[in-house]
Amino acid sequence: QALLGGESGPAAFVDVRGIGGFNRQVNTSITRAICEILKSRLGIEPDRVYVTFSDVPAENWGWNSRTFA
């Protein structure tokens, strides 16, 4: 249970990070899909879900002993 907007109950904060490609249309589509998944699988209502998007420069994203830049 989480306190969100002064009310307790299931809630979620989702942090989406990527290397380019974010825009209003993409972010809306991703947000809709995340909300549908959280509602169907965990019973969290969409008005209890917050999603943030971070566009991370390729040189600041590491994987497999190197960065993507």
C-alpha atoms as a PDB file:
ATOM      1  CA  GLN A   1       0.000   0.000   0.000  1.00  0.00           C
ATOM      2  CA  ALA A   2       1.212   3.499  -0.779  1.00  0.00           C
ATOM      3  CA  LEU A   3       0.021   6.962   0.118  1.00  0.00           C
ATOM      4  CA  LEU A   4      -0.634   8.896  -3.086  1.00  0.00           C
ATOM      5  CA  GLY A   5      -2.655  12.099  -3.224  1.00  0.00           C
ATOM      6  CA  GLY A   6      -3.551  11.640   0.424  1.00  0.00           C
ATOM      7  CA  GLU A   7      -5.130   8.237  -0.188  1.00  0.00           C
ATOM      8  CA  SER A   8      -3.660   4.860   0.614  1.00  0.00           C
ATOM      9  CA  GLY A   9      -3.830   1.944  -1.777  1.00  0.00           C
ATOM     10  CA  PRO A  10      -1.876   0.273  -4.547  1.00  0.00           C
ATOM     11  CA  ALA A  11       0.223   2.724  -6.548  1.00  0.00           C
ATOM     12  CA  ALA A  12       3.260   2.692  -8.813  1.00  0.00           C
ATOM     13  CA  PHE A  13       6.060   4.962  -9.931  1.00  0.00           C
ATOM     14  CA  VAL A  14       7.715   3.781 -13.161  1.00  0.00           C
ATOM     15  CA  ASP A  15      11.031   5.168 -14.431  1.00  0.00           C
ATOM     16  CA  VAL A  16      11.604   4.550 -18.160  1.00  0.00           C
ATOM     17  CA  ARG A  17      15.074   5.298 -19.542  1.00  0.00           C
ATOM     18  CA  GLY A  18      16.313   5.112 -23.085  1.00  0.00           C
ATOM     19  CA  ILE A  19      18.885   6.334 -25.561  1.00  0.00           C
ATOM     20  CA  GLY A  20      16.906   8.573 -27.889  1.00  0.00           C
ATOM     21  CA  GLY A  21      13.541   7.970 -29.505  1.00  0.00           C
ATOM     22  CA  PHE A  22      11.308   9.522 -26.852  1.00  0.00           C
ATOM     23  CA  ASN A  23       8.627  11.954 -27.978  1.00  0.00           C
ATOM     24  CA  ARG A  24       5.035  12.723 -27.028  1.00  0.00           C
ATOM     25  CA  GLN A  25       3.543   9.942 -29.178  1.00  0.00           C
ATOM     26  CA  VAL A  26       6.012   7.281 -28.036  1.00  0.00           C
ATOM     27  CA  ASN A  27       5.735   8.298 -24.382  1.00  0.00           C
ATOM     28  CA  THR A  28       1.920   8.223 -24.531  1.00  0.00           C
ATOM     29  CA  SER A  29       1.963   4.752 -26.069  1.00  0.00           C
ATOM     30  CA  ILE A  30       4.426   3.432 -23.481  1.00  0.00           C
ATOM     31  CA  THR A  31       2.467   5.010 -20.624  1.00  0.00           C
ATOM     32  CA  ARG A  32      -0.782   3.459 -21.863  1.00  0.00           C
ATOM     33  CA  ALA A  33       0.838   0.005 -22.109  1.00  0.00           C
ATOM     34  CA  ILE A  34       2.406   0.270 -18.653  1.00  0.00           C
ATOM     35  CA  CYS A  35      -0.919   1.326 -17.115  1.00  0.00           C
ATOM     36  CA  GLU A  36      -2.754  -1.558 -18.804  1.00  0.00           C
ATOM     37  CA  ILE A  37      -0.178  -4.089 -17.552  1.00  0.00           C
ATOM     38  CA  LEU A  38      -0.195  -2.735 -13.996  1.00  0.00           C
ATOM     39  CA  LYS A  39      -4.008  -2.750 -13.901  1.00  0.00           C
ATOM     40  CA  SER A  40      -4.443  -6.245 -15.354  1.00  0.00           C
ATOM     41  CA  ARG A  41      -1.653  -7.932 -13.407  1.00  0.00           C
ATOM     42  CA  LEU A  42      -1.480  -5.992 -10.144  1.00  0.00           C
ATOM     43  CA  GLY A  43      -4.849  -4.237  -9.920  1.00  0.00           C
ATOM     44  CA  ILE A  44      -3.295  -0.754  -9.857  1.00  0.00           C
ATOM     45  CA  GLU A  45      -5.633   1.820 -11.358  1.00  0.00           C
ATOM     46  CA  PRO A  46      -4.104   4.093 -14.027  1.00  0.00           C
ATOM     47  CA  ASP A  47      -4.791   7.201 -11.932  1.00  0.00           C
ATOM     48  CA  ARG A  48      -2.457   5.706  -9.310  1.00  0.00           C
ATOM     49  CA  VAL A  49       0.462   5.308 -11.763  1.00  0.00           C
ATOM     50  CA  TYR A  50       3.134   7.898 -12.458  1.00  0.00           C
ATOM     51  CA  VAL A  51       5.617   7.366 -15.291  1.00  0.00           C
ATOM     52  CA  THR A  52       8.765   9.397 -15.933  1.00  0.00           C
ATOM     53  CA  PHE A  53      10.959   9.292 -19.023  1.00  0.00           C
ATOM     54  CA  SER A  54      14.699   9.992 -19.103  1.00  0.00           C
ATOM     55  CA  ASP A  55      16.684  10.291 -22.301  1.00  0.00           C
ATOM     56  CA  VAL A  56      20.176   9.166 -21.301  1.00  0.00           C
ATOM     57  CA  PRO A  57      23.143  10.114 -23.507  1.00  0.00           C
ATOM     58  CA  ALA A  58      24.766   6.995 -24.996  1.00  0.00           C
ATOM     59  CA  GLU A  59      28.086   7.768 -23.289  1.00  0.00           C
ATOM     60  CA  ASN A  60      26.294   7.686 -19.913  1.00  0.00           C
ATOM     61  CA  TRP A  61      24.824   4.214 -20.431  1.00  0.00           C
ATOM     62  CA  GLY A  62      27.103   1.248 -19.765  1.00  0.00           C
ATOM     63  CA  TRP A  63      26.670  -2.420 -20.569  1.00  0.00           C
ATOM     64  CA  ASN A  64      28.954  -5.385 -21.108  1.00  0.00           C
ATOM     65  CA  SER A  65      32.133  -3.603 -19.984  1.00  0.00           C
ATOM     66  CA  ARG A  66      31.624  -0.565 -22.243  1.00  0.00           C
ATOM     67  CA  THR A  67      29.259   2.330 -22.975  1.00  0.00           C
ATOM     68  CA  PHE A  68      26.937   2.653 -25.962  1.00  0.00           C
ATOM     69  CA  ALA A  69      28.864   5.692 -27.303  1.00  0.00           C
END
